[in-house]
Amino acid sequence: MPTASNDGVALHYETDGSDECVAFVGDVGYGAWTWSVQVDAIAGPRATLVWDLRGTGRSDAPPGPYDVDALAADLEAVLADAEVASAHLVGAGLGGAVALRYARTYSRTRSLALLSTTASGQEVDETALRALHPEARTDDRRRESLAGAFTDGFLAANPEFVAQLTSWRAEDDADPAAVDAQVAAWQDYEAGPLHEVTLPALVGHGTDDPVVPRAAGERLAEGLPRGEFEAIEGRHLAFVESGRAVTDWLVEFFERVESGRDG
């Protein structure tokens, strides 16, 4: 269980596989379980790195405020500790904002995959975002809060997954104070001039995301010089619900970047 440190904050991360690295950056409040489908499929031919944002999982949870600059510095500490020279960054929600800020500030980014996110925290629906993270930390409330993350059909068809997810969330998700700090960090975020981010970039967005409107994802892709947009059937965690399809899409993108065919 490797641990990096940034400004005294211990940051837990895990790696698997070898060769080209894919580093995953999580969303507000959620533990590393959000990346289970992608990591299982990608690790092996490539290295994977999954870390817990400050306030989440086994990383330290210092009192807020948090901001995206500090979270990007945390990511730099993790990649440096893991001796990763360059990485494809995959970020969701707040993690997408962190990945974008990291790419503007540090030199290890090979490509960007930005899921369920936006260039401006002003486009985040705070009520819908907070509904994903109930203050009452009971199994019933955690199950109810999945309504904004997954479609009704998916939840009804996958009761075993829902039960497993409820268990993972009890173990790994952030507590209410850390959720508050992460929510504030995302709401205060502004990406800056997107035309300056010239890396290959995928933008994927749920067709019925209540937290960030699909149009915000489309604008993000349009603003990035090498951005491309993909609609994903689902809600805020559409990339989990449609995990296999999204993984195939990511792998094809990585292959294009690595071969110089990304356009």
C-alpha atoms as a PDB file:
ATOM      1  CA  MET A   1       0.000   0.000   0.000  1.00  0.00           C
ATOM      2  CA  PRO A   2       2.259   2.819  -1.195  1.00  0.00           C
ATOM      3  CA  THR A   3       1.764   6.278   0.276  1.00  0.00           C
ATOM      4  CA  ALA A   4       2.940   9.601  -1.117  1.00  0.00           C
ATOM      5  CA  SER A   5       3.045  12.870   0.804  1.00  0.00           C
ATOM      6  CA  ASN A   6       2.228  16.435  -0.199  1.00  0.00           C
ATOM      7  CA  ASP A   7       2.643  19.200   2.344  1.00  0.00           C
ATOM      8  CA  GLY A   8       2.238  16.681   5.149  1.00  0.00           C
ATOM      9  CA  VAL A   9      -0.889  15.032   3.694  1.00  0.00           C
ATOM     10  CA  ALA A  10      -0.501  11.269   3.251  1.00  0.00           C
ATOM     11  CA  LEU A  11      -1.977  10.041  -0.045  1.00  0.00           C
ATOM     12  CA  HIS A  12      -2.713   6.363  -0.581  1.00  0.00           C
ATOM     13  CA  TYR A  13      -2.338   4.873  -4.048  1.00  0.00           C
ATOM     14  CA  GLU A  14      -2.124   1.483  -5.729  1.00  0.00           C
ATOM     15  CA  THR A  15      -0.462   0.409  -8.965  1.00  0.00           C
ATOM     16  CA  ASP A  16      -0.764  -2.658 -11.156  1.00  0.00           C
ATOM     17  CA  GLY A  17       0.612  -3.801 -14.495  1.00  0.00           C
ATOM     18  CA  SER A  18       3.532  -2.382 -16.463  1.00  0.00           C
ATOM     19  CA  ASP A  19       4.490  -0.262 -19.478  1.00  0.00           C
ATOM     20  CA  GLU A  20       2.377   2.834 -20.353  1.00  0.00           C
ATOM     21  CA  CYS A  21       0.664   4.248 -17.254  1.00  0.00           C
ATOM     22  CA  VAL A  22      -3.019   5.168 -16.936  1.00  0.00           C
ATOM     23  CA  ALA A  23      -3.697   7.223 -13.796  1.00  0.00           C
ATOM     24  CA  PHE A  24      -7.271   7.616 -12.519  1.00  0.00           C
ATOM     25  CA  VAL A  25      -8.519  10.691 -10.633  1.00  0.00           C
ATOM     26  CA  GLY A  26     -11.755  10.268  -8.685  1.00  0.00           C
ATOM     27  CA  ASP A  27     -14.893  12.350  -8.246  1.00  0.00           C
ATOM     28  CA  VAL A  28     -16.289  14.106  -5.184  1.00  0.00           C
ATOM     29  CA  GLY A  29     -16.683  11.760  -2.253  1.00  0.00           C
ATOM     30  CA  TYR A  30     -16.296   8.482  -4.110  1.00  0.00           C
ATOM     31  CA  GLY A  31     -13.651   5.879  -3.356  1.00  0.00           C
ATOM     32  CA  ALA A  32     -11.478   4.047  -5.852  1.00  0.00           C
ATOM     33  CA  TRP A  33     -14.302   1.546  -6.488  1.00  0.00           C
ATOM     34  CA  THR A  34     -15.518   3.806  -9.310  1.00  0.00           C
ATOM     35  CA  TRP A  35     -12.606   2.597 -11.459  1.00  0.00           C
ATOM     36  CA  SER A  36     -12.908  -1.151 -10.838  1.00  0.00           C
ATOM     37  CA  VAL A  37     -14.132  -2.026 -14.349  1.00  0.00           C
ATOM     38  CA  GLN A  38     -11.489   0.051 -16.108  1.00  0.00           C
ATOM     39  CA  VAL A  39      -8.606  -1.054 -13.899  1.00  0.00           C
ATOM     40  CA  ASP A  40      -9.402  -4.752 -14.244  1.00  0.00           C
ATOM     41  CA  ALA A  41      -9.436  -4.452 -18.043  1.00  0.00           C
ATOM     42  CA  ILE A  42      -6.487  -2.098 -18.516  1.00  0.00           C
ATOM     43  CA  ALA A  43      -3.957  -3.422 -15.977  1.00  0.00           C
ATOM     44  CA  GLY A  44      -1.501  -5.820 -17.612  1.00  0.00           C
ATOM     45  CA  PRO A  45      -0.767  -4.405 -21.066  1.00  0.00           C
ATOM     46  CA  ARG A  46      -0.534  -1.032 -19.317  1.00  0.00           C
ATOM     47  CA  ALA A  47       0.195   0.090 -15.802  1.00  0.00           C
ATOM     48  CA  THR A  48      -2.676   1.504 -13.773  1.00  0.00           C
ATOM     49  CA  LEU A  49      -2.493   3.916 -10.866  1.00  0.00           C
ATOM     50  CA  VAL A  50      -5.490   4.611  -8.637  1.00  0.00           C
ATOM     51  CA  TRP A  51      -5.277   6.979  -5.685  1.00  0.00           C
ATOM     52  CA  ASP A  52      -7.558   8.310  -2.983  1.00  0.00           C
ATOM     53  CA  LEU A  53      -8.049  12.072  -3.095  1.00  0.00           C
ATOM     54  CA  ARG A  54      -7.380  13.835   0.176  1.00  0.00           C
ATOM     55  CA  GLY A  55     -10.431  13.274   2.336  1.00  0.00           C
ATOM     56  CA  THR A  56     -11.277   9.951   0.683  1.00  0.00           C
ATOM     57  CA  GLY A  57     -10.501   6.310   1.428  1.00  0.00           C
ATOM     58  CA  ARG A  58      -7.148   5.684   3.071  1.00  0.00           C
ATOM     59  CA  SER A  59      -5.681   9.102   2.308  1.00  0.00           C
ATOM     60  CA  ASP A  60      -5.527  11.737   5.043  1.00  0.00           C
ATOM     61  CA  ALA A  61      -8.548  13.980   5.502  1.00  0.00           C
ATOM     62  CA  PRO A  62      -7.211  17.360   6.628  1.00  0.00           C
ATOM     63  CA  PRO A  63      -9.776  20.044   7.389  1.00  0.00           C
ATOM     64  CA  GLY A  64     -10.825  22.221   4.454  1.00  0.00           C
ATOM     65  CA  PRO A  65     -10.800  24.328   2.491  1.00  0.00           C
ATOM     66  CA  TYR A  66      -9.526  22.275  -0.447  1.00  0.00           C
ATOM     67  CA  ASP A  67      -8.897  23.619  -3.924  1.00  0.00           C
ATOM     68  CA  VAL A  68      -8.114  22.117  -7.310  1.00  0.00           C
ATOM     69  CA  ASP A  69      -4.537  23.453  -7.241  1.00  0.00           C
ATOM     70  CA  ALA A  70      -3.835  21.505  -4.040  1.00  0.00           C
ATOM     71  CA  LEU A  71      -5.439  18.356  -5.468  1.00  0.00           C
ATOM     72  CA  ALA A  72      -3.320  18.676  -8.623  1.00  0.00           C
ATOM     73  CA  ALA A  73      -0.241  19.028  -6.425  1.00  0.00           C
ATOM     74  CA  ASP A  74      -1.351  15.862  -4.609  1.00  0.00           C
ATOM     75  CA  LEU A  75      -1.474  14.057  -7.958  1.00  0.00           C
ATOM     76  CA  GLU A  76       2.034  15.264  -8.793  1.00  0.00           C
ATOM     77  CA  ALA A  77       3.269  13.897  -5.458  1.00  0.00           C
ATOM     78  CA  VAL A  78       1.651  10.532  -6.166  1.00  0.00           C
ATOM     79  CA  LEU A  79       3.044  10.221  -9.697  1.00  0.00           C
ATOM     80  CA  ALA A  80       6.501  11.281  -8.527  1.00  0.00           C
ATOM     81  CA  ASP A  81       6.446   8.784  -5.661  1.00  0.00           C
ATOM     82  CA  ALA A  82       5.390   6.023  -8.079  1.00  0.00           C
ATOM     83  CA  GLU A  83       8.176   7.086 -10.470  1.00  0.00           C
ATOM     84  CA  VAL A  84       5.729   7.622 -13.340  1.00  0.00           C
ATOM     85  CA  ALA A  85       7.380   9.707 -16.067  1.00  0.00           C
ATOM     86  CA  SER A  86       4.185  10.197 -18.084  1.00  0.00           C
ATOM     87  CA  ALA A  87       0.596   9.037 -17.831  1.00  0.00           C
ATOM     88  CA  HIS A  88      -2.721   9.044 -19.579  1.00  0.00           C
ATOM     89  CA  LEU A  89      -4.971  10.829 -17.058  1.00  0.00           C
ATOM     90  CA  VAL A  90      -8.578   9.688 -16.644  1.00  0.00           C
ATOM     91  CA  GLY A  91     -10.607  12.000 -14.404  1.00  0.00           C
ATOM     92  CA  ALA A  92     -14.291  12.023 -13.470  1.00  0.00           C
ATOM     93  CA  GLY A  93     -16.252  14.972 -12.104  1.00  0.00           C
ATOM     94  CA  LEU A  94     -13.963  16.831  -9.723  1.00  0.00           C
ATOM     95  CA  GLY A  95     -11.234  14.474 -10.925  1.00  0.00           C
ATOM     96  CA  GLY A  96     -11.671  15.811 -14.444  1.00  0.00           C
ATOM     97  CA  ALA A  97     -11.052  19.327 -13.154  1.00  0.00           C
ATOM     98  CA  VAL A  98      -7.959  18.091 -11.313  1.00  0.00           C
ATOM     99  CA  ALA A  99      -6.671  16.337 -14.447  1.00  0.00           C
ATOM    100  CA  LEU A 100      -7.142  19.490 -16.532  1.00  0.00           C
ATOM    101  CA  ARG A 101      -5.386  21.669 -13.957  1.00  0.00           C
ATOM    102  CA  TYR A 102      -2.604  19.108 -13.633  1.00  0.00           C
ATOM    103  CA  ALA A 103      -2.055  19.075 -17.401  1.00  0.00           C
ATOM    104  CA  ARG A 104      -1.710  22.874 -17.403  1.00  0.00           C
ATOM    105  CA  THR A 105       0.697  22.924 -14.462  1.00  0.00           C
ATOM    106  CA  TYR A 106       2.896  19.817 -14.611  1.00  0.00           C
ATOM    107  CA  SER A 107       4.725  17.904 -17.330  1.00  0.00           C
ATOM    108  CA  ARG A 108       3.797  14.241 -16.920  1.00  0.00           C
ATOM    109  CA  THR A 109       0.488  14.168 -18.867  1.00  0.00           C
ATOM    110  CA  ARG A 110       0.360  12.125 -22.083  1.00  0.00           C
ATOM    111  CA  SER A 111      -3.365  12.460 -22.773  1.00  0.00           C
ATOM    112  CA  LEU A 112      -6.614  13.394 -21.036  1.00  0.00           C
ATOM    113  CA  ALA A 113      -9.890  11.500 -20.684  1.00  0.00           C
ATOM    114  CA  LEU A 114     -12.440  13.718 -18.931  1.00  0.00           C
ATOM    115  CA  LEU A 115     -15.688  12.148 -17.773  1.00  0.00           C
ATOM    116  CA  SER A 116     -18.841  13.776 -16.358  1.00  0.00           C
ATOM    117  CA  THR A 117     -17.063  17.088 -15.880  1.00  0.00           C
ATOM    118  CA  THR A 118     -16.960  20.722 -16.962  1.00  0.00           C
ATOM    119  CA  ALA A 119     -14.579  23.612 -17.522  1.00  0.00           C
ATOM    120  CA  SER A 120     -16.375  25.680 -14.871  1.00  0.00           C
ATOM    121  CA  GLY A 121     -17.569  24.786 -11.409  1.00  0.00           C
ATOM    122  CA  GLN A 122     -20.424  27.241 -11.932  1.00  0.00           C
ATOM    123  CA  GLU A 123     -22.051  24.613 -14.170  1.00  0.00           C
ATOM    124  CA  VAL A 124     -22.186  22.045 -11.345  1.00  0.00           C
ATOM    125  CA  ASP A 125     -25.643  21.561  -9.812  1.00  0.00           C
ATOM    126  CA  GLU A 126     -24.793  21.597  -6.108  1.00  0.00           C
ATOM    127  CA  THR A 127     -28.127  20.135  -5.017  1.00  0.00           C
ATOM    128  CA  ALA A 128     -27.797  17.160  -7.375  1.00  0.00           C
ATOM    129  CA  LEU A 129     -24.153  16.654  -6.402  1.00  0.00           C
ATOM    130  CA  ARG A 130     -24.884  16.656  -2.679  1.00  0.00           C
ATOM    131  CA  ALA A 131     -27.784  14.242  -3.212  1.00  0.00           C
ATOM    132  CA  LEU A 132     -25.189  11.653  -4.260  1.00  0.00           C
ATOM    133  CA  HIS A 133     -23.605  11.821  -0.781  1.00  0.00           C
ATOM    134  CA  PRO A 134     -26.132  11.554   2.064  1.00  0.00           C
ATOM    135  CA  GLU A 135     -25.105  12.892   5.446  1.00  0.00           C
ATOM    136  CA  ALA A 136     -26.903   9.967   7.118  1.00  0.00           C
ATOM    137  CA  ARG A 137     -24.356   7.229   6.503  1.00  0.00           C
ATOM    138  CA  THR A 138     -26.723   4.260   6.442  1.00  0.00           C
ATOM    139  CA  ASP A 139     -27.023   1.540   3.813  1.00  0.00           C
ATOM    140  CA  ASP A 140     -30.572   2.615   2.955  1.00  0.00           C
ATOM    141  CA  ARG A 141     -29.538   6.227   2.348  1.00  0.00           C
ATOM    142  CA  ARG A 142     -26.516   5.156   0.309  1.00  0.00           C
ATOM    143  CA  ARG A 143     -28.741   3.000  -1.896  1.00  0.00           C
ATOM    144  CA  GLU A 144     -31.254   5.814  -2.345  1.00  0.00           C
ATOM    145  CA  SER A 145     -28.487   8.233  -3.309  1.00  0.00           C
ATOM    146  CA  LEU A 146     -27.534   6.057  -6.279  1.00  0.00           C
ATOM    147  CA  ALA A 147     -30.541   7.410  -8.202  1.00  0.00           C
ATOM    148  CA  GLY A 148     -28.501  10.354  -9.479  1.00  0.00           C
ATOM    149  CA  ALA A 149     -25.543   8.192 -10.397  1.00  0.00           C
ATOM    150  CA  PHE A 150     -27.230   5.314 -12.279  1.00  0.00           C
ATOM    151  CA  THR A 151     -30.380   4.793 -14.329  1.00  0.00           C
ATOM    152  CA  ASP A 152     -33.375   3.102 -12.716  1.00  0.00           C
ATOM    153  CA  GLY A 153     -33.138   0.211 -15.168  1.00  0.00           C
ATOM    154  CA  PHE A 154     -29.514  -0.469 -14.295  1.00  0.00           C
ATOM    155  CA  LEU A 155     -30.172  -0.398 -10.548  1.00  0.00           C
ATOM    156  CA  ALA A 156     -33.176  -2.724 -10.876  1.00  0.00           C
ATOM    157  CA  ALA A 157     -31.279  -5.189 -13.060  1.00  0.00           C
ATOM    158  CA  ASN A 158     -28.151  -5.364 -10.868  1.00  0.00           C
ATOM    159  CA  PRO A 159     -29.130  -5.928  -7.206  1.00  0.00           C
ATOM    160  CA  GLU A 160     -25.900  -7.791  -6.397  1.00  0.00           C
ATOM    161  CA  PHE A 161     -23.810  -4.927  -7.745  1.00  0.00           C
ATOM    162  CA  VAL A 162     -25.860  -2.433  -5.744  1.00  0.00           C
ATOM    163  CA  ALA A 163     -25.261  -4.460  -2.569  1.00  0.00           C
ATOM    164  CA  GLN A 164     -21.525  -4.644  -3.286  1.00  0.00           C
ATOM    165  CA  LEU A 165     -21.425  -0.957  -4.074  1.00  0.00           C
ATOM    166  CA  THR A 166     -23.129  -0.104  -0.801  1.00  0.00           C
ATOM    167  CA  SER A 167     -20.434  -2.050   1.045  1.00  0.00           C
ATOM    168  CA  TRP A 168     -17.607  -0.364  -0.856  1.00  0.00           C
ATOM    169  CA  ARG A 169     -19.063   3.057  -0.160  1.00  0.00           C
ATOM    170  CA  ALA A 170     -19.249   2.374   3.565  1.00  0.00           C
ATOM    171  CA  GLU A 171     -15.539   1.537   3.554  1.00  0.00           C
ATOM    172  CA  ASP A 172     -14.060   4.049   1.111  1.00  0.00           C
ATOM    173  CA  ASP A 173     -16.233   7.116   0.532  1.00  0.00           C
ATOM    174  CA  ALA A 174     -15.439  10.480   2.098  1.00  0.00           C
ATOM    175  CA  ASP A 175     -17.110  11.642   5.283  1.00  0.00           C
ATOM    176  CA  PRO A 176     -19.468  14.664   5.178  1.00  0.00           C
ATOM    177  CA  ALA A 177     -16.796  17.219   6.101  1.00  0.00           C
ATOM    178  CA  ALA A 178     -14.479  16.027   3.335  1.00  0.00           C
ATOM    179  CA  VAL A 179     -17.386  15.943   0.863  1.00  0.00           C
ATOM    180  CA  ASP A 180     -18.085  19.591   1.741  1.00  0.00           C
ATOM    181  CA  ALA A 181     -14.437  20.517   1.096  1.00  0.00           C
ATOM    182  CA  GLN A 182     -14.354  18.639  -2.218  1.00  0.00           C
ATOM    183  CA  VAL A 183     -17.668  20.119  -3.386  1.00  0.00           C
ATOM    184  CA  ALA A 184     -16.359  23.627  -2.656  1.00  0.00           C
ATOM    185  CA  ALA A 185     -13.130  22.914  -4.528  1.00  0.00           C
ATOM    186  CA  TRP A 186     -15.049  21.885  -7.638  1.00  0.00           C
ATOM    187  CA  GLN A 187     -17.501  24.783  -7.483  1.00  0.00           C
ATOM    188  CA  ASP A 188     -14.625  27.283  -7.241  1.00  0.00           C
ATOM    189  CA  TYR A 189     -12.846  25.801 -10.269  1.00  0.00           C
ATOM    190  CA  GLU A 190     -12.330  27.581 -13.579  1.00  0.00           C
ATOM    191  CA  ALA A 191     -10.259  25.822 -16.240  1.00  0.00           C
ATOM    192  CA  GLY A 192      -8.865  28.933 -17.869  1.00  0.00           C
ATOM    193  CA  PRO A 193      -8.263  29.219 -21.627  1.00  0.00           C
ATOM    194  CA  LEU A 194      -8.944  25.761 -23.037  1.00  0.00           C
ATOM    195  CA  HIS A 195      -7.071  26.488 -26.264  1.00  0.00           C
ATOM    196  CA  GLU A 196      -3.856  26.316 -24.255  1.00  0.00           C
ATOM    197  CA  VAL A 197      -4.410  22.620 -23.460  1.00  0.00           C
ATOM    198  CA  THR A 198      -3.161  21.014 -26.670  1.00  0.00           C
ATOM    199  CA  LEU A 199      -2.952  17.407 -25.497  1.00  0.00           C
ATOM    200  CA  PRO A 200      -5.147  14.701 -27.057  1.00  0.00           C
ATOM    201  CA  ALA A 201      -8.397  14.749 -25.056  1.00  0.00           C
ATOM    202  CA  LEU A 202     -11.520  12.621 -24.819  1.00  0.00           C
ATOM    203  CA  VAL A 203     -14.623  14.031 -23.166  1.00  0.00           C
ATOM    204  CA  GLY A 204     -17.325  11.542 -22.163  1.00  0.00           C
ATOM    205  CA  HIS A 205     -20.626  12.494 -20.593  1.00  0.00           C
ATOM    206  CA  GLY A 206     -23.783  10.788 -19.417  1.00  0.00           C
ATOM    207  CA  THR A 207     -26.829  11.550 -21.527  1.00  0.00           C
ATOM    208  CA  ASP A 208     -28.912  12.220 -18.387  1.00  0.00           C
ATOM    209  CA  ASP A 209     -26.362  13.569 -15.887  1.00  0.00           C
ATOM    210  CA  PRO A 210     -28.188  15.598 -13.194  1.00  0.00           C
ATOM    211  CA  VAL A 211     -24.940  17.027 -11.765  1.00  0.00           C
ATOM    212  CA  VAL A 212     -23.340  18.500 -14.892  1.00  0.00           C
ATOM    213  CA  PRO A 213     -25.438  19.020 -18.022  1.00  0.00           C
ATOM    214  CA  ARG A 214     -24.382  17.177 -21.141  1.00  0.00           C
ATOM    215  CA  ALA A 215     -24.057  20.523 -22.926  1.00  0.00           C
ATOM    216  CA  ALA A 216     -21.234  21.461 -20.542  1.00  0.00           C
ATOM    217  CA  GLY A 217     -19.308  18.382 -21.616  1.00  0.00           C
ATOM    218  CA  GLU A 218     -19.913  19.209 -25.261  1.00  0.00           C
ATOM    219  CA  ARG A 219     -18.607  22.748 -24.732  1.00  0.00           C
ATOM    220  CA  LEU A 220     -15.531  21.376 -22.974  1.00  0.00           C
ATOM    221  CA  ALA A 221     -14.720  19.102 -25.913  1.00  0.00           C
ATOM    222  CA  GLU A 222     -15.301  21.914 -28.407  1.00  0.00           C
ATOM    223  CA  GLY A 223     -12.960  24.222 -26.483  1.00  0.00           C
ATOM    224  CA  LEU A 224     -10.045  21.782 -26.395  1.00  0.00           C
ATOM    225  CA  PRO A 225      -7.987  21.939 -29.612  1.00  0.00           C
ATOM    226  CA  ARG A 226      -7.681  18.144 -29.777  1.00  0.00           C
ATOM    227  CA  GLY A 227     -10.896  17.323 -27.933  1.00  0.00           C
ATOM    228  CA  GLU A 228     -13.523  14.821 -29.015  1.00  0.00           C
ATOM    229  CA  PHE A 229     -16.882  14.156 -27.393  1.00  0.00           C
ATOM    230  CA  GLU A 230     -18.696  10.901 -26.705  1.00  0.00           C
ATOM    231  CA  ALA A 231     -22.175  10.626 -25.204  1.00  0.00           C
ATOM    232  CA  ILE A 232     -22.541   7.737 -22.749  1.00  0.00           C
ATOM    233  CA  GLU A 233     -25.934   6.305 -21.892  1.00  0.00           C
ATOM    234  CA  GLY A 234     -26.564   6.952 -18.216  1.00  0.00           C
ATOM    235  CA  ARG A 235     -26.384   9.497 -15.439  1.00  0.00           C
ATOM    236  CA  HIS A 236     -23.465  10.942 -13.440  1.00  0.00           C
ATOM    237  CA  LEU A 237     -21.615   7.616 -13.203  1.00  0.00           C
ATOM    238  CA  ALA A 238     -22.434   6.572 -16.756  1.00  0.00           C
ATOM    239  CA  PHE A 239     -18.813   5.477 -17.162  1.00  0.00           C
ATOM    240  CA  VAL A 240     -19.412   2.872 -14.440  1.00  0.00           C
ATOM    241  CA  GLU A 241     -22.815   1.775 -15.718  1.00  0.00           C
ATOM    242  CA  SER A 242     -21.442   1.456 -19.272  1.00  0.00           C
ATOM    243  CA  GLY A 243     -18.052   0.366 -17.983  1.00  0.00           C
ATOM    244  CA  ARG A 244     -17.080  -2.138 -20.655  1.00  0.00           C
ATOM    245  CA  ALA A 245     -17.971   0.136 -23.550  1.00  0.00           C
ATOM    246  CA  VAL A 246     -16.147   3.070 -21.956  1.00  0.00           C
ATOM    247  CA  THR A 247     -13.089   0.907 -21.319  1.00  0.00           C
ATOM    248  CA  ASP A 248     -12.993  -0.154 -24.970  1.00  0.00           C
ATOM    249  CA  TRP A 249     -13.275   3.502 -25.978  1.00  0.00           C
ATOM    250  CA  LEU A 250     -10.425   4.489 -23.633  1.00  0.00           C
ATOM    251  CA  VAL A 251      -8.129   1.704 -24.798  1.00  0.00           C
ATOM    252  CA  GLU A 252      -8.701   2.577 -28.447  1.00  0.00           C
ATOM    253  CA  PHE A 253      -7.862   6.208 -27.618  1.00  0.00           C
ATOM    254  CA  PHE A 254      -4.673   5.257 -25.768  1.00  0.00           C
ATOM    255  CA  GLU A 255      -3.592   3.127 -28.716  1.00  0.00           C
ATOM    256  CA  ARG A 256      -4.133   6.049 -31.101  1.00  0.00           C
ATOM    257  CA  VAL A 257      -2.134   8.397 -28.866  1.00  0.00           C
ATOM    258  CA  GLU A 258       0.714   5.927 -28.432  1.00  0.00           C
ATOM    259  CA  SER A 259       0.942   5.266 -32.177  1.00  0.00           C
ATOM    260  CA  GLY A 260       0.668   8.940 -33.121  1.00  0.00           C
ATOM    261  CA  ARG A 261      -2.718   8.447 -34.801  1.00  0.00           C
ATOM    262  CA  ASP A 262      -4.727  10.683 -32.456  1.00  0.00           C
ATOM    263  CA  GLY A 263      -4.993  13.485 -34.997  1.00  0.00           C
END
